[in-house]
PDB file of N, CA and C in Angstrom:
ATOM      1  N   MET A   1       0.835  -1.165   0.051  1.00  0.00           N
ATOM      2  CA  MET A   1      -0.046   0.076   0.058  1.00  0.00           C
ATOM      3  C   MET A   1       0.897   1.209   0.037  1.00  0.00           C
ATOM      4  N   LYS A   2       2.058   1.144   0.485  1.00  0.00           N
ATOM      5  CA  LYS A   2       2.830   2.386   0.650  1.00  0.00           C
ATOM      6  C   LYS A   2       3.384   2.856  -0.878  1.00  0.00           C
ATOM      7  N   TYR A   3       3.265   2.074  -1.895  1.00  0.00           N
ATOM      8  CA  TYR A   3       3.655   2.471  -3.303  1.00  0.00           C
ATOM      9  C   TYR A   3       2.373   2.834  -4.264  1.00  0.00           C
ATOM     10  N   VAL A   4       1.334   2.901  -3.597  1.00  0.00           N
ATOM     11  CA  VAL A   4       0.100   3.109  -4.423  1.00  0.00           C
ATOM     12  C   VAL A   4       0.183   4.413  -5.147  1.00  0.00           C
ATOM     13  N   ASP A   5       0.618   5.476  -4.334  1.00  0.00           N
ATOM     14  CA  ASP A   5       0.662   6.647  -4.893  1.00  0.00           C
ATOM     15  C   ASP A   5       1.663   6.818  -6.082  1.00  0.00           C
ATOM     16  N   ALA A   6       2.817   6.097  -5.951  1.00  0.00           N
ATOM     17  CA  ALA A   6       3.837   6.099  -7.014  1.00  0.00           C
ATOM     18  C   ALA A   6       3.292   5.370  -8.129  1.00  0.00           C
ATOM     19  N   ILE A   7       2.715   4.179  -8.143  1.00  0.00           N
ATOM     20  CA  ILE A   7       2.129   3.469  -9.082  1.00  0.00           C
ATOM     21  C   ILE A   7       1.145   4.175  -9.865  1.00  0.00           C
ATOM     22  N   VAL A   8       0.224   4.941  -9.277  1.00  0.00           N
ATOM     23  CA  VAL A   8      -0.959   5.733  -9.663  1.00  0.00           C
ATOM     24  C   VAL A   8      -0.256   6.791 -10.721  1.00  0.00           C
ATOM     25  N   ASP A   9       0.826   7.451 -10.084  1.00  0.00           N
ATOM     26  CA  ASP A   9       1.542   8.479 -10.813  1.00  0.00           C
ATOM     27  C   ASP A   9       2.213   7.940 -12.090  1.00  0.00           C
ATOM     28  N   ILE A  10       2.924   6.734 -11.957  1.00  0.00           N
ATOM     29  CA  ILE A  10       3.466   6.247 -13.145  1.00  0.00           C
ATOM     30  C   ILE A  10       2.626   5.773 -14.113  1.00  0.00           C
ATOM     31  N   GLY A  11       1.403   5.206 -13.733  1.00  0.00           N
ATOM     32  CA  GLY A  11       0.472   4.788 -14.596  1.00  0.00           C
ATOM     33  C   GLY A  11      -0.244   5.879 -15.434  1.00  0.00           C
ATOM     34  N   ASP A  12      -0.507   7.079 -14.612  1.00  0.00           N
ATOM     35  CA  ASP A  12      -1.057   8.178 -15.152  1.00  0.00           C
ATOM     36  C   ASP A  12      -0.123   8.872 -16.265  1.00  0.00           C
ATOM     37  N   LYS A  13       1.241   8.917 -15.970  1.00  0.00           N
ATOM     38  CA  LYS A  13       2.157   9.456 -16.928  1.00  0.00           C
ATOM     39  C   LYS A  13       2.184   8.563 -18.155  1.00  0.00           C
ATOM     40  N   ALA A  14       2.266   7.178 -17.874  1.00  0.00           N
ATOM     41  CA  ALA A  14       2.299   6.241 -19.004  1.00  0.00           C
ATOM     42  C   ALA A  14       1.093   6.397 -19.958  1.00  0.00           C
ATOM     43  N   GLY A  15      -0.027   6.524 -19.426  1.00  0.00           N
ATOM     44  CA  GLY A  15      -1.308   6.618 -20.179  1.00  0.00           C
ATOM     45  C   GLY A  15      -1.350   7.846 -20.986  1.00  0.00           C
ATOM     46  N   LYS A  16      -0.864   8.955 -20.497  1.00  0.00           N
ATOM     47  CA  LYS A  16      -0.571  10.182 -21.370  1.00  0.00           C
ATOM     48  C   LYS A  16       0.400  10.174 -22.304  1.00  0.00           C
ATOM     49  N   GLU A  17       1.507   9.426 -22.101  1.00  0.00           N
ATOM     50  CA  GLU A  17       2.479   9.258 -23.145  1.00  0.00           C
ATOM     51  C   GLU A  17       1.899   8.303 -24.228  1.00  0.00           C
ATOM     52  N   TYR A  18       1.131   7.387 -23.825  1.00  0.00           N
ATOM     53  CA  TYR A  18       0.396   6.438 -24.799  1.00  0.00           C
ATOM     54  C   TYR A  18      -0.520   7.120 -25.638  1.00  0.00           C
ATOM     55  N   ASN A  19      -1.211   8.008 -24.983  1.00  0.00           N
ATOM     56  CA  ASN A  19      -2.250   8.918 -25.841  1.00  0.00           C
ATOM     57  C   ASN A  19      -1.448   9.771 -26.909  1.00  0.00           C
ATOM     58  N   ILE A  20      -0.304  10.311 -26.516  1.00  0.00           N
ATOM     59  CA  ILE A  20       0.513  11.167 -27.557  1.00  0.00           C
ATOM     60  C   ILE A  20       0.778  10.264 -28.744  1.00  0.00           C
ATOM     61  N   GLU A  21       1.594   9.021 -28.358  1.00  0.00           N
ATOM     62  CA  GLU A  21       1.972   8.066 -29.411  1.00  0.00           C
ATOM     63  C   GLU A  21       0.777   7.591 -30.216  1.00  0.00           C
ATOM     64  N   ALA A  22      -0.313   7.259 -29.747  1.00  0.00           N
ATOM     65  CA  ALA A  22      -1.536   6.852 -30.507  1.00  0.00           C
ATOM     66  C   ALA A  22      -1.927   8.042 -31.335  1.00  0.00           C
ATOM     67  N   LYS A  23      -2.033   9.235 -30.915  1.00  0.00           N
ATOM     68  CA  LYS A  23      -2.627  10.247 -31.747  1.00  0.00           C
ATOM     69  C   LYS A  23      -1.634  10.476 -32.832  1.00  0.00           C
ATOM     70  N   LEU A  24      -0.366  10.460 -32.582  1.00  0.00           N
ATOM     71  CA  LEU A  24       0.815  10.564 -33.550  1.00  0.00           C
ATOM     72  C   LEU A  24       0.774   9.510 -34.655  1.00  0.00           C
ATOM     73  N   ASN A  25       0.501   8.227 -34.242  1.00  0.00           N
ATOM     74  CA  ASN A  25       0.348   7.091 -35.152  1.00  0.00           C
ATOM     75  C   ASN A  25      -0.817   7.314 -36.064  1.00  0.00           C
ATOM     76  N   GLU A  26      -1.953   7.774 -35.538  1.00  0.00           N
ATOM     77  CA  GLU A  26      -3.282   7.960 -36.127  1.00  0.00           C
ATOM     78  C   GLU A  26      -3.053   8.967 -37.135  1.00  0.00           C
ATOM     79  N   MET A  27      -2.411  10.264 -36.812  1.00  0.00           N
ATOM     80  CA  MET A  27      -2.233  11.307 -37.806  1.00  0.00           C
ATOM     81  C   MET A  27      -1.479  10.735 -38.923  1.00  0.00           C
ATOM     82  N   GLN A  28      -0.368   9.980 -38.763  1.00  0.00           N
ATOM     83  CA  GLN A  28       0.749   9.541 -39.740  1.00  0.00           C
ATOM     84  C   GLN A  28      -0.074   8.599 -40.742  1.00  0.00           C
ATOM     85  N   THR A  29      -0.947   7.782 -40.034  1.00  0.00           N
ATOM     86  CA  THR A  29      -1.632   6.650 -40.933  1.00  0.00           C
ATOM     87  C   THR A  29      -2.602   7.368 -41.806  1.00  0.00           C
ATOM     88  N   LYS A  30      -3.313   8.401 -41.212  1.00  0.00           N
ATOM     89  CA  LYS A  30      -4.297   9.007 -42.060  1.00  0.00           C
ATOM     90  C   LYS A  30      -3.747   9.693 -43.281  1.00  0.00           C
ATOM     91  N   TRP A  31      -2.611  10.349 -43.087  1.00  0.00           N
ATOM     92  CA  TRP A  31      -1.971  10.854 -44.237  1.00  0.00           C
ATOM     93  C   TRP A  31      -1.390   9.938 -45.272  1.00  0.00           C
ATOM     94  N   GLU A  32      -1.241   8.711 -44.979  1.00  0.00           N
ATOM     95  CA  GLU A  32      -0.915   7.764 -45.987  1.00  0.00           C
ATOM     96  C   GLU A  32      -2.031   7.511 -46.956  1.00  0.00           C
ATOM     97  N   ASP A  33      -3.135   7.626 -46.609  1.00  0.00           N
ATOM     98  CA  ASP A  33      -4.464   7.528 -47.207  1.00  0.00           C
ATOM     99  C   ASP A  33      -4.872   8.784 -48.085  1.00  0.00           C
ATOM    100  N   ILE A  34      -4.376   9.893 -47.687  1.00  0.00           N
ATOM    101  CA  ILE A  34      -4.787  11.264 -48.276  1.00  0.00           C
ATOM    102  C   ILE A  34      -4.332  11.320 -49.873  1.00  0.00           C
ATOM    103  N   ASN A  35      -5.144  11.472 -50.753  1.00  0.00           N
ATOM    104  CA  ASN A  35      -4.880  11.672 -52.120  1.00  0.00           C
ATOM    105  C   ASN A  35      -5.444  12.950 -52.682  1.00  0.00           C
ATOM    106  N   PHE A  36      -4.593  13.547 -53.516  1.00  0.00           N
ATOM    107  CA  PHE A  36      -4.819  14.741 -54.236  1.00  0.00           C
ATOM    108  C   PHE A  36      -5.637  14.420 -55.522  1.00  0.00           C
ATOM    109  N   ASN A  37      -6.821  15.099 -55.581  1.00  0.00           N
ATOM    110  CA  ASN A  37      -7.608  14.858 -56.950  1.00  0.00           C
ATOM    111  C   ASN A  37      -7.124  15.859 -57.934  1.00  0.00           C
ATOM    112  N   VAL A  38      -6.582  15.337 -59.025  1.00  0.00           N
ATOM    113  CA  VAL A  38      -6.084  16.165 -60.152  1.00  0.00           C
ATOM    114  C   VAL A  38      -7.009  16.035 -61.315  1.00  0.00           C
ATOM    115  N   LEU A  39      -7.359  17.059 -61.608  1.00  0.00           N
ATOM    116  CA  LEU A  39      -8.357  17.116 -62.858  1.00  0.00           C
ATOM    117  C   LEU A  39      -7.861  17.885 -64.049  1.00  0.00           C
ATOM    118  N   GLN A  40      -8.349  17.555 -65.189  1.00  0.00           N
ATOM    119  CA  GLN A  40      -7.847  18.334 -66.296  1.00  0.00           C
ATOM    120  C   GLN A  40      -8.578  19.684 -66.420  1.00  0.00           C
ATOM    121  N   TYR A  41      -7.864  20.590 -66.632  1.00  0.00           N
ATOM    122  CA  TYR A  41      -8.526  22.057 -66.822  1.00  0.00           C
ATOM    123  C   TYR A  41      -7.851  22.618 -68.238  1.00  0.00           C
ATOM    124  N   LYS A  42      -8.737  22.687 -69.132  1.00  0.00           N
ATOM    125  CA  LYS A  42      -8.309  23.058 -70.436  1.00  0.00           C
ATOM    126  C   LYS A  42      -7.177  22.242 -70.923  1.00  0.00           C
ATOM    127  N   THR A  43      -5.924  22.947 -71.183  1.00  0.00           N
ATOM    128  CA  THR A  43      -4.897  22.055 -71.678  1.00  0.00           C
ATOM    129  C   THR A  43      -3.842  21.658 -70.628  1.00  0.00           C
ATOM    130  N   SER A  44      -4.266  21.940 -69.383  1.00  0.00           N
ATOM    131  CA  SER A  44      -3.366  21.570 -68.114  1.00  0.00           C
ATOM    132  C   SER A  44      -4.200  20.841 -66.998  1.00  0.00           C
ATOM    133  N   TYR A  45      -3.551  20.625 -65.933  1.00  0.00           N
ATOM    134  CA  TYR A  45      -4.315  20.062 -64.877  1.00  0.00           C
ATOM    135  C   TYR A  45      -4.364  20.752 -63.445  1.00  0.00           C
ATOM    136  N   ILE A  46      -5.233  20.593 -62.623  1.00  0.00           N
ATOM    137  CA  ILE A  46      -5.369  21.330 -61.340  1.00  0.00           C
ATOM    138  C   ILE A  46      -5.689  20.388 -60.298  1.00  0.00           C
ATOM    139  N   ILE A  47      -5.385  20.854 -59.235  1.00  0.00           N
ATOM    140  CA  ILE A  47      -5.630  19.950 -57.915  1.00  0.00           C
ATOM    141  C   ILE A  47      -7.080  20.477 -57.463  1.00  0.00           C
ATOM    142  N   LYS A  48      -7.970  19.644 -57.200  1.00  0.00           N
ATOM    143  CA  LYS A  48      -9.264  19.741 -56.716  1.00  0.00           C
ATOM    144  C   LYS A  48      -9.246  19.273 -55.259  1.00  0.00           C
ATOM    145  N   GLY A  49     -10.291  19.862 -54.402  1.00  0.00           N
ATOM    146  CA  GLY A  49     -10.439  19.416 -53.032  1.00  0.00           C
ATOM    147  C   GLY A  49      -9.371  19.991 -51.951  1.00  0.00           C
ATOM    148  N   TYR A  50      -9.102  21.148 -52.199  1.00  0.00           N
ATOM    149  CA  TYR A  50      -8.111  21.852 -51.325  1.00  0.00           C
ATOM    150  C   TYR A  50      -8.756  21.932 -49.942  1.00  0.00           C
ATOM    151  N   ASP A  51     -10.090  22.414 -49.934  1.00  0.00           N
ATOM    152  CA  ASP A  51     -10.606  22.601 -48.732  1.00  0.00           C
ATOM    153  C   ASP A  51     -10.580  21.441 -47.728  1.00  0.00           C
ATOM    154  N   ASP A  52     -10.919  20.197 -48.170  1.00  0.00           N
ATOM    155  CA  ASP A  52     -10.839  19.091 -47.199  1.00  0.00           C
ATOM    156  C   ASP A  52      -9.399  18.849 -46.738  1.00  0.00           C
ATOM    157  N   ILE A  53      -8.444  18.972 -47.580  1.00  0.00           N
ATOM    158  CA  ILE A  53      -7.118  18.734 -47.309  1.00  0.00           C
ATOM    159  C   ILE A  53      -6.600  19.607 -46.247  1.00  0.00           C
ATOM    160  N   ILE A  54      -7.094  21.038 -46.412  1.00  0.00           N
ATOM    161  CA  ILE A  54      -6.527  21.998 -45.634  1.00  0.00           C
ATOM    162  C   ILE A  54      -7.232  21.887 -44.307  1.00  0.00           C
ATOM    163  N   GLN A  55      -8.408  21.353 -44.154  1.00  0.00           N
ATOM    164  CA  GLN A  55      -9.081  21.269 -42.904  1.00  0.00           C
ATOM    165  C   GLN A  55      -8.435  20.107 -41.988  1.00  0.00           C
ATOM    166  N   VAL A  56      -8.109  19.009 -42.793  1.00  0.00           N
ATOM    167  CA  VAL A  56      -7.387  17.983 -42.002  1.00  0.00           C
ATOM    168  C   VAL A  56      -5.997  18.417 -41.475  1.00  0.00           C
ATOM    169  N   LEU A  57      -5.373  19.227 -42.470  1.00  0.00           N
ATOM    170  CA  LEU A  57      -3.959  19.704 -42.219  1.00  0.00           C
ATOM    171  C   LEU A  57      -3.964  20.621 -40.973  1.00  0.00           C
ATOM    172  N   ASP A  58      -4.905  21.479 -41.040  1.00  0.00           N
ATOM    173  CA  ASP A  58      -5.011  22.497 -39.935  1.00  0.00           C
ATOM    174  C   ASP A  58      -5.283  21.770 -38.456  1.00  0.00           C
ATOM    175  N   GLU A  59      -6.129  20.908 -38.520  1.00  0.00           N
ATOM    176  CA  GLU A  59      -6.553  19.988 -37.303  1.00  0.00           C
ATOM    177  C   GLU A  59      -5.287  19.356 -36.764  1.00  0.00           C
ATOM    178  N   ASP A  60      -4.461  18.654 -37.822  1.00  0.00           N
ATOM    179  CA  ASP A  60      -3.269  18.035 -37.337  1.00  0.00           C
ATOM    180  C   ASP A  60      -2.188  18.909 -36.871  1.00  0.00           C
ATOM    181  N   ILE A  61      -1.979  20.044 -37.569  1.00  0.00           N
ATOM    182  CA  ILE A  61      -1.114  21.096 -37.005  1.00  0.00           C
ATOM    183  C   ILE A  61      -1.356  21.497 -35.548  1.00  0.00           C
ATOM    184  N   VAL A  62      -2.608  21.815 -35.216  1.00  0.00           N
ATOM    185  CA  VAL A  62      -3.044  22.088 -34.025  1.00  0.00           C
ATOM    186  C   VAL A  62      -2.791  21.051 -33.150  1.00  0.00           C
ATOM    187  N   SER A  63      -3.068  19.816 -33.352  1.00  0.00           N
ATOM    188  CA  SER A  63      -2.883  18.651 -32.467  1.00  0.00           C
ATOM    189  C   SER A  63      -1.403  18.478 -32.191  1.00  0.00           C
ATOM    190  N   THR A  64      -0.651  18.562 -33.240  1.00  0.00           N
ATOM    191  CA  THR A  64       0.902  18.435 -33.169  1.00  0.00           C
ATOM    192  C   THR A  64       1.432  19.458 -32.318  1.00  0.00           C
ATOM    193  N   GLN A  65       1.072  20.687 -32.493  1.00  0.00           N
ATOM    194  CA  GLN A  65       1.511  21.810 -31.598  1.00  0.00           C
ATOM    195  C   GLN A  65       1.217  21.501 -30.200  1.00  0.00           C
ATOM    196  N   ALA A  66      -0.104  21.135 -29.829  1.00  0.00           N
ATOM    197  CA  ALA A  66      -0.326  20.748 -28.542  1.00  0.00           C
ATOM    198  C   ALA A  66       0.521  19.618 -27.953  1.00  0.00           C
ATOM    199  N   MET A  67       0.911  18.863 -28.789  1.00  0.00           N
ATOM    200  CA  MET A  67       1.747  17.732 -28.363  1.00  0.00           C
ATOM    201  C   MET A  67       3.223  18.261 -27.957  1.00  0.00           C
ATOM    202  N   LEU A  68       3.591  19.239 -28.671  1.00  0.00           N
ATOM    203  CA  LEU A  68       4.907  19.960 -28.474  1.00  0.00           C
ATOM    204  C   LEU A  68       5.041  20.552 -27.152  1.00  0.00           C
ATOM    205  N   PHE A  69       3.857  21.120 -26.543  1.00  0.00           N
ATOM    206  CA  PHE A  69       3.707  21.737 -25.347  1.00  0.00           C
ATOM    207  C   PHE A  69       3.495  20.871 -24.103  1.00  0.00           C
ATOM    208  N   SER A  70       3.261  19.474 -24.542  1.00  0.00           N
ATOM    209  CA  SER A  70       2.841  18.621 -23.467  1.00  0.00           C
ATOM    210  C   SER A  70       4.144  18.209 -22.620  1.00  0.00           C
ATOM    211  N   PRO A  71       3.977  18.072 -21.285  1.00  0.00           N
ATOM    212  CA  PRO A  71       5.021  17.707 -20.472  1.00  0.00           C
ATOM    213  C   PRO A  71       5.447  16.229 -20.705  1.00  0.00           C
ATOM    214  N   PHE A  72       4.624  15.444 -21.286  1.00  0.00           N
ATOM    215  CA  PHE A  72       4.725  14.069 -21.451  1.00  0.00           C
ATOM    216  C   PHE A  72       5.255  13.699 -22.899  1.00  0.00           C
ATOM    217  N   LYS A  73       5.813  14.766 -23.601  1.00  0.00           N
ATOM    218  CA  LYS A  73       6.313  14.562 -24.996  1.00  0.00           C
ATOM    219  C   LYS A  73       7.786  13.810 -25.152  1.00  0.00           C
ATOM    220  N   LYS A  74       8.469  13.876 -24.017  1.00  0.00           N
ATOM    221  CA  LYS A  74       9.769  13.376 -24.039  1.00  0.00           C
ATOM    222  C   LYS A  74      10.146  12.134 -24.901  1.00  0.00           C
ATOM    223  N   PRO A  75       9.602  11.034 -24.670  1.00  0.00           N
ATOM    224  CA  PRO A  75       9.939   9.870 -25.403  1.00  0.00           C
ATOM    225  C   PRO A  75       9.610   9.994 -26.995  1.00  0.00           C
ATOM    226  N   PHE A  76       8.860  10.925 -27.319  1.00  0.00           N
ATOM    227  CA  PHE A  76       8.547  11.063 -28.774  1.00  0.00           C
ATOM    228  C   PHE A  76       8.894  12.508 -29.242  1.00  0.00           C
ATOM    229  N   GLU A  77       9.603  13.242 -28.577  1.00  0.00           N
ATOM    230  CA  GLU A  77       9.962  14.617 -28.852  1.00  0.00           C
ATOM    231  C   GLU A  77      10.498  14.673 -30.375  1.00  0.00           C
ATOM    232  N   LYS A  78      11.396  13.905 -30.520  1.00  0.00           N
ATOM    233  CA  LYS A  78      12.182  14.163 -32.018  1.00  0.00           C
ATOM    234  C   LYS A  78      10.891  13.757 -33.045  1.00  0.00           C
ATOM    235  N   ARG A  79      10.181  12.703 -32.956  1.00  0.00           N
ATOM    236  CA  ARG A  79       9.243  12.256 -33.766  1.00  0.00           C
ATOM    237  C   ARG A  79       8.167  13.345 -34.025  1.00  0.00           C
ATOM    238  N   ILE A  80       7.869  13.920 -32.816  1.00  0.00           N
ATOM    239  CA  ILE A  80       6.763  15.054 -33.016  1.00  0.00           C
ATOM    240  C   ILE A  80       7.247  16.247 -33.788  1.00  0.00           C
ATOM    241  N   GLU A  81       8.476  16.710 -33.455  1.00  0.00           N
ATOM    242  CA  GLU A  81       9.307  17.750 -34.178  1.00  0.00           C
ATOM    243  C   GLU A  81       9.340  17.524 -35.689  1.00  0.00           C
ATOM    244  N   ASP A  82       9.715  16.323 -35.941  1.00  0.00           N
ATOM    245  CA  ASP A  82       9.828  15.941 -37.413  1.00  0.00           C
ATOM    246  C   ASP A  82       8.365  15.942 -38.042  1.00  0.00           C
ATOM    247  N   TRP A  83       7.375  15.435 -37.394  1.00  0.00           N
ATOM    248  CA  TRP A  83       6.050  15.504 -37.888  1.00  0.00           C
ATOM    249  C   TRP A  83       5.522  16.883 -38.110  1.00  0.00           C
ATOM    250  N   ASN A  84       5.765  17.744 -37.189  1.00  0.00           N
ATOM    251  CA  ASN A  84       5.516  19.059 -37.253  1.00  0.00           C
ATOM    252  C   ASN A  84       6.048  19.828 -38.322  1.00  0.00           C
ATOM    253  N   THR A  85       7.411  19.479 -38.661  1.00  0.00           N
ATOM    254  CA  THR A  85       8.049  20.071 -39.793  1.00  0.00           C
ATOM    255  C   THR A  85       7.351  19.698 -41.135  1.00  0.00           C
ATOM    256  N   THR A  86       7.105  18.387 -41.128  1.00  0.00           N
ATOM    257  CA  THR A  86       6.383  17.786 -42.329  1.00  0.00           C
ATOM    258  C   THR A  86       5.054  18.488 -42.562  1.00  0.00           C
ATOM    259  N   LEU A  87       4.393  18.556 -41.613  1.00  0.00           N
ATOM    260  CA  LEU A  87       2.860  19.265 -41.656  1.00  0.00           C
ATOM    261  C   LEU A  87       2.953  20.648 -42.143  1.00  0.00           C
ATOM    262  N   LYS A  88       4.100  21.363 -41.660  1.00  0.00           N
ATOM    263  CA  LYS A  88       4.274  22.795 -42.115  1.00  0.00           C
ATOM    264  C   LYS A  88       4.910  22.818 -43.452  1.00  0.00           C
ATOM    265  N   THR A  89       5.594  21.906 -43.835  1.00  0.00           N
ATOM    266  CA  THR A  89       6.127  21.918 -45.224  1.00  0.00           C
ATOM    267  C   THR A  89       4.947  21.657 -46.138  1.00  0.00           C
ATOM    268  N   ILE A  90       4.003  20.658 -45.844  1.00  0.00           N
ATOM    269  CA  ILE A  90       2.866  20.316 -46.574  1.00  0.00           C
ATOM    270  C   ILE A  90       1.959  21.644 -46.763  1.00  0.00           C
ATOM    271  N   SER A  91       1.783  22.390 -45.732  1.00  0.00           N
ATOM    272  CA  SER A  91       0.890  23.607 -45.652  1.00  0.00           C
ATOM    273  C   SER A  91       1.631  24.767 -46.617  1.00  0.00           C
ATOM    274  N   ASP A  92       2.908  24.715 -46.455  1.00  0.00           N
ATOM    275  CA  ASP A  92       3.669  25.864 -47.430  1.00  0.00           C
ATOM    276  C   ASP A  92       3.349  25.541 -48.774  1.00  0.00           C
ATOM    277  N   VAL A  93       3.731  24.177 -49.140  1.00  0.00           N
ATOM    278  CA  VAL A  93       3.582  23.828 -50.592  1.00  0.00           C
ATOM    279  C   VAL A  93       2.193  23.952 -51.018  1.00  0.00           C
ATOM    280  N   LEU A  94       1.168  23.536 -50.248  1.00  0.00           N
ATOM    281  CA  LEU A  94      -0.183  23.776 -50.590  1.00  0.00           C
ATOM    282  C   LEU A  94      -0.622  25.249 -50.891  1.00  0.00           C
ATOM    283  N   GLU A  95      -0.154  26.022 -50.015  1.00  0.00           N
ATOM    284  CA  GLU A  95      -0.360  27.378 -49.954  1.00  0.00           C
ATOM    285  C   GLU A  95       0.156  28.018 -51.364  1.00  0.00           C
ATOM    286  N   GLU A  96       1.314  27.609 -51.716  1.00  0.00           N
ATOM    287  CA  GLU A  96       1.940  28.168 -52.800  1.00  0.00           C
ATOM    288  C   GLU A  96       1.439  27.577 -54.136  1.00  0.00           C
ATOM    289  N   TRP A  97       1.072  26.216 -54.087  1.00  0.00           N
ATOM    290  CA  TRP A  97       0.358  25.639 -55.113  1.00  0.00           C
ATOM    291  C   TRP A  97      -0.980  26.224 -55.417  1.00  0.00           C
ATOM    292  N   ALA A  98      -1.611  26.582 -54.304  1.00  0.00           N
ATOM    293  CA  ALA A  98      -3.007  27.180 -54.728  1.00  0.00           C
ATOM    294  C   ALA A  98      -2.919  28.675 -55.211  1.00  0.00           C
ATOM    295  N   LYS A  99      -2.043  29.372 -54.862  1.00  0.00           N
ATOM    296  CA  LYS A  99      -1.644  30.622 -55.386  1.00  0.00           C
ATOM    297  C   LYS A  99      -1.171  30.557 -56.848  1.00  0.00           C
ATOM    298  N   PHE A 100      -0.283  29.754 -57.125  1.00  0.00           N
ATOM    299  CA  PHE A 100       0.138  29.350 -58.512  1.00  0.00           C
ATOM    300  C   PHE A 100      -1.066  28.955 -59.423  1.00  0.00           C
ATOM    301  N   GLN A 101      -1.851  27.940 -58.917  1.00  0.00           N
ATOM    302  CA  GLN A 101      -2.945  27.487 -59.681  1.00  0.00           C
ATOM    303  C   GLN A 101      -3.922  28.464 -60.036  1.00  0.00           C
ATOM    304  N   GLY A 102      -4.267  29.387 -58.962  1.00  0.00           N
ATOM    305  CA  GLY A 102      -5.126  30.477 -59.369  1.00  0.00           C
ATOM    306  C   GLY A 102      -4.577  31.381 -60.264  1.00  0.00           C
ATOM    307  N   GLN A 103      -3.418  31.852 -60.170  1.00  0.00           N
ATOM    308  CA  GLN A 103      -2.845  32.610 -61.261  1.00  0.00           C
ATOM    309  C   GLN A 103      -2.831  31.993 -62.526  1.00  0.00           C
ATOM    310  N   TRP A 104      -2.502  30.822 -62.674  1.00  0.00           N
ATOM    311  CA  TRP A 104      -2.507  29.946 -63.983  1.00  0.00           C
ATOM    312  C   TRP A 104      -3.741  30.083 -64.614  1.00  0.00           C
ATOM    313  N   MET A 105      -4.796  29.707 -63.763  1.00  0.00           N
ATOM    314  CA  MET A 105      -6.086  29.684 -64.458  1.00  0.00           C
ATOM    315  C   MET A 105      -6.538  31.008 -64.858  1.00  0.00           C
ATOM    316  N   TYR A 106      -6.153  32.135 -64.224  1.00  0.00           N
ATOM    317  CA  TYR A 106      -6.564  33.444 -64.678  1.00  0.00           C
ATOM    318  C   TYR A 106      -5.724  33.638 -65.931  1.00  0.00           C
ATOM    319  N   LEU A 107      -4.476  33.479 -65.984  1.00  0.00           N
ATOM    320  CA  LEU A 107      -3.688  33.730 -67.122  1.00  0.00           C
ATOM    321  C   LEU A 107      -3.780  32.827 -68.407  1.00  0.00           C
ATOM    322  N   GLN A 108      -4.091  31.527 -68.065  1.00  0.00           N
ATOM    323  CA  GLN A 108      -4.182  30.539 -69.244  1.00  0.00           C
ATOM    324  C   GLN A 108      -5.005  31.056 -70.507  1.00  0.00           C
ATOM    325  N   PRO A 109      -5.954  31.576 -70.333  1.00  0.00           N
ATOM    326  CA  PRO A 109      -6.815  31.975 -71.555  1.00  0.00           C
ATOM    327  C   PRO A 109      -5.851  33.001 -72.361  1.00  0.00           C
ATOM    328  N   ILE A 110      -5.073  33.844 -71.744  1.00  0.00           N
ATOM    329  CA  ILE A 110      -4.122  34.750 -72.473  1.00  0.00           C
ATOM    330  C   ILE A 110      -3.226  33.905 -73.304  1.00  0.00           C
ATOM    331  N   PHE A 111      -2.577  32.845 -72.667  1.00  0.00           N
ATOM    332  CA  PHE A 111      -1.522  32.148 -73.444  1.00  0.00           C
ATOM    333  C   PHE A 111      -2.174  31.262 -74.435  1.00  0.00           C
ATOM    334  N   ASP A 112      -3.379  30.822 -74.161  1.00  0.00           N
ATOM    335  CA  ASP A 112      -4.154  30.013 -75.263  1.00  0.00           C
ATOM    336  C   ASP A 112      -4.668  30.843 -76.439  1.00  0.00           C
ATOM    337  N   SER A 113      -4.748  32.196 -76.337  1.00  0.00           N
ATOM    338  CA  SER A 113      -5.253  33.093 -77.319  1.00  0.00           C
ATOM    339  C   SER A 113      -4.445  32.854 -78.671  1.00  0.00           C
ATOM    340  N   MET A 114      -5.043  32.683 -79.772  1.00  0.00           N
ATOM    341  CA  MET A 114      -4.312  32.613 -80.980  1.00  0.00           C
ATOM    342  C   MET A 114      -3.825  33.983 -81.369  1.00  0.00           C
ATOM    343  N   ASP A 115      -4.420  35.197 -81.129  1.00  0.00           N
ATOM    344  CA  ASP A 115      -3.978  36.554 -81.368  1.00  0.00           C
ATOM    345  C   ASP A 115      -2.506  36.874 -80.691  1.00  0.00           C
ATOM    346  N   ILE A 116      -2.541  36.352 -79.361  1.00  0.00           N
ATOM    347  CA  ILE A 116      -1.342  36.728 -78.603  1.00  0.00           C
ATOM    348  C   ILE A 116      -0.294  35.804 -79.062  1.00  0.00           C
ATOM    349  N   ALA A 117      -0.542  34.534 -79.470  1.00  0.00           N
ATOM    350  CA  ALA A 117       0.327  33.635 -79.945  1.00  0.00           C
ATOM    351  C   ALA A 117       1.112  34.088 -81.071  1.00  0.00           C
ATOM    352  N   LYS A 118       0.399  34.879 -82.014  1.00  0.00           N
ATOM    353  CA  LYS A 118       0.916  35.487 -83.288  1.00  0.00           C
ATOM    354  C   LYS A 118       1.730  36.627 -82.870  1.00  0.00           C
TER     355      LYS A 118
END
């Protein structure tokens, strides 16, 4: 009975560490199944479904940042930091791609114009 408090404390910490590991595994597995829908647009291709991907991405970034501030992150700290970097890179690339795609869709009629080509 004299070790009950220590055992409860260790069990509590282990449970919280397990929750971090399980959430990290869940996020990484979810991203393995995410696909980008590429559709033909005139003579080129565009990505469709940004909103769904951005929503998942934002949720996962918030979850990962919460893990970074957890006092129970130590066993997974490097993995969490790497995953956070990966999510930020995905976010940056998607943001730039969306800008580029919007500009291309705006300018493509100009490049496809026969008058301008001449």
